[in-house]
């Protein structure tokens, strides 16, 4: 995974955690911030990572 793709994914995760926006919106916001071109598959991978992060955080809150 490229550094550019990874850092965009991390930005998208941060947006969902701190701005309380939907994963798709967070991905688009992160991509626009970097003014980058990503393929449909790369966008899918970023959205998938964001959804996994959300699910993991919700699961952790339930077990606390």
C-alpha atoms as a PDB file:
ATOM      1  CA  UNK A   1       0.000   0.000   0.000  1.00  0.00           C
ATOM      2  CA  UNK A   2       1.397   3.363  -0.952  1.00  0.00           C
ATOM      3  CA  UNK A   3       2.146   6.005   1.649  1.00  0.00           C
ATOM      4  CA  UNK A   4      -0.289   8.318  -0.110  1.00  0.00           C
ATOM      5  CA  UNK A   5      -3.110   5.780   0.121  1.00  0.00           C
ATOM      6  CA  UNK A   6      -2.305   4.983   3.745  1.00  0.00           C
ATOM      7  CA  UNK A   7      -2.177   8.611   4.867  1.00  0.00           C
ATOM      8  CA  UNK A   8      -5.463   9.339   3.085  1.00  0.00           C
ATOM      9  CA  UNK A   9      -7.039   6.374   4.876  1.00  0.00           C
ATOM     10  CA  UNK A  10      -5.778   7.617   8.221  1.00  0.00           C
ATOM     11  CA  UNK A  11      -7.216  11.060   7.500  1.00  0.00           C
ATOM     12  CA  UNK A  12     -10.576   9.479   6.685  1.00  0.00           C
ATOM     13  CA  UNK A  13     -10.521   7.490   9.936  1.00  0.00           C
ATOM     14  CA  UNK A  14      -9.717  10.655  11.880  1.00  0.00           C
ATOM     15  CA  UNK A  15     -12.647  12.449  10.234  1.00  0.00           C
ATOM     16  CA  UNK A  16     -15.096   9.710  11.252  1.00  0.00           C
ATOM     17  CA  UNK A  17     -13.783   9.687  14.808  1.00  0.00           C
ATOM     18  CA  UNK A  18     -13.633  13.424  15.425  1.00  0.00           C
ATOM     19  CA  UNK A  19     -16.157  14.976  13.054  1.00  0.00           C
ATOM     20  CA  UNK A  20     -18.868  12.312  13.294  1.00  0.00           C
ATOM     21  CA  UNK A  21     -19.445  11.971   9.549  1.00  0.00           C
ATOM     22  CA  UNK A  22     -20.264   8.925   7.443  1.00  0.00           C
ATOM     23  CA  UNK A  23     -17.415   6.787   6.043  1.00  0.00           C
ATOM     24  CA  UNK A  24     -18.143   7.681   2.409  1.00  0.00           C
ATOM     25  CA  UNK A  25     -18.122  11.391   3.223  1.00  0.00           C
ATOM     26  CA  UNK A  26     -14.927  11.004   5.233  1.00  0.00           C
ATOM     27  CA  UNK A  27     -13.170   9.251   2.347  1.00  0.00           C
ATOM     28  CA  UNK A  28     -14.206  11.933  -0.134  1.00  0.00           C
ATOM     29  CA  UNK A  29     -13.109  14.678   2.263  1.00  0.00           C
ATOM     30  CA  UNK A  30      -9.716  13.029   2.779  1.00  0.00           C
ATOM     31  CA  UNK A  31      -9.212  12.533  -0.967  1.00  0.00           C
ATOM     32  CA  UNK A  32     -10.193  16.131  -1.700  1.00  0.00           C
ATOM     33  CA  UNK A  33      -7.793  17.353   0.989  1.00  0.00           C
ATOM     34  CA  UNK A  34      -4.910  15.651  -0.816  1.00  0.00           C
ATOM     35  CA  UNK A  35      -6.162  16.622  -4.258  1.00  0.00           C
ATOM     36  CA  UNK A  36      -5.401  13.067  -5.340  1.00  0.00           C
ATOM     37  CA  UNK A  37      -6.694  10.685  -7.947  1.00  0.00           C
ATOM     38  CA  UNK A  38      -7.544   7.233  -6.651  1.00  0.00           C
ATOM     39  CA  UNK A  39      -8.990   4.327  -8.568  1.00  0.00           C
ATOM     40  CA  UNK A  40     -12.356   2.889  -7.612  1.00  0.00           C
ATOM     41  CA  UNK A  41     -10.574  -0.053  -5.959  1.00  0.00           C
ATOM     42  CA  UNK A  42      -8.368   2.244  -3.884  1.00  0.00           C
ATOM     43  CA  UNK A  43     -11.410   4.228  -2.756  1.00  0.00           C
ATOM     44  CA  UNK A  44     -13.118   0.962  -1.841  1.00  0.00           C
ATOM     45  CA  UNK A  45     -10.098  -0.123   0.202  1.00  0.00           C
ATOM     46  CA  UNK A  46     -10.073   3.163   2.112  1.00  0.00           C
ATOM     47  CA  UNK A  47     -13.838   2.963   2.832  1.00  0.00           C
ATOM     48  CA  UNK A  48     -13.429  -0.634   3.976  1.00  0.00           C
ATOM     49  CA  UNK A  49     -10.629   0.338   6.380  1.00  0.00           C
ATOM     50  CA  UNK A  50     -12.757   3.136   7.818  1.00  0.00           C
ATOM     51  CA  UNK A  51     -15.692   0.767   8.372  1.00  0.00           C
ATOM     52  CA  UNK A  52     -13.425  -1.768  10.095  1.00  0.00           C
ATOM     53  CA  UNK A  53     -12.143   0.979  12.389  1.00  0.00           C
ATOM     54  CA  UNK A  54     -15.694   2.025  13.252  1.00  0.00           C
ATOM     55  CA  UNK A  55     -16.738  -1.564  13.985  1.00  0.00           C
ATOM     56  CA  UNK A  56     -13.637  -2.172  16.099  1.00  0.00           C
ATOM     57  CA  UNK A  57     -14.228   0.956  18.157  1.00  0.00           C
ATOM     58  CA  UNK A  58     -17.902   0.106  18.701  1.00  0.00           C
ATOM     59  CA  UNK A  59     -16.945  -3.416  19.765  1.00  0.00           C
ATOM     60  CA  UNK A  60     -14.338  -2.083  22.198  1.00  0.00           C
ATOM     61  CA  UNK A  61     -16.899   0.250  23.770  1.00  0.00           C
ATOM     62  CA  UNK A  62     -19.280  -2.656  24.336  1.00  0.00           C
ATOM     63  CA  UNK A  63     -16.658  -4.705  26.185  1.00  0.00           C
ATOM     64  CA  UNK A  64     -15.540  -1.875  28.496  1.00  0.00           C
END
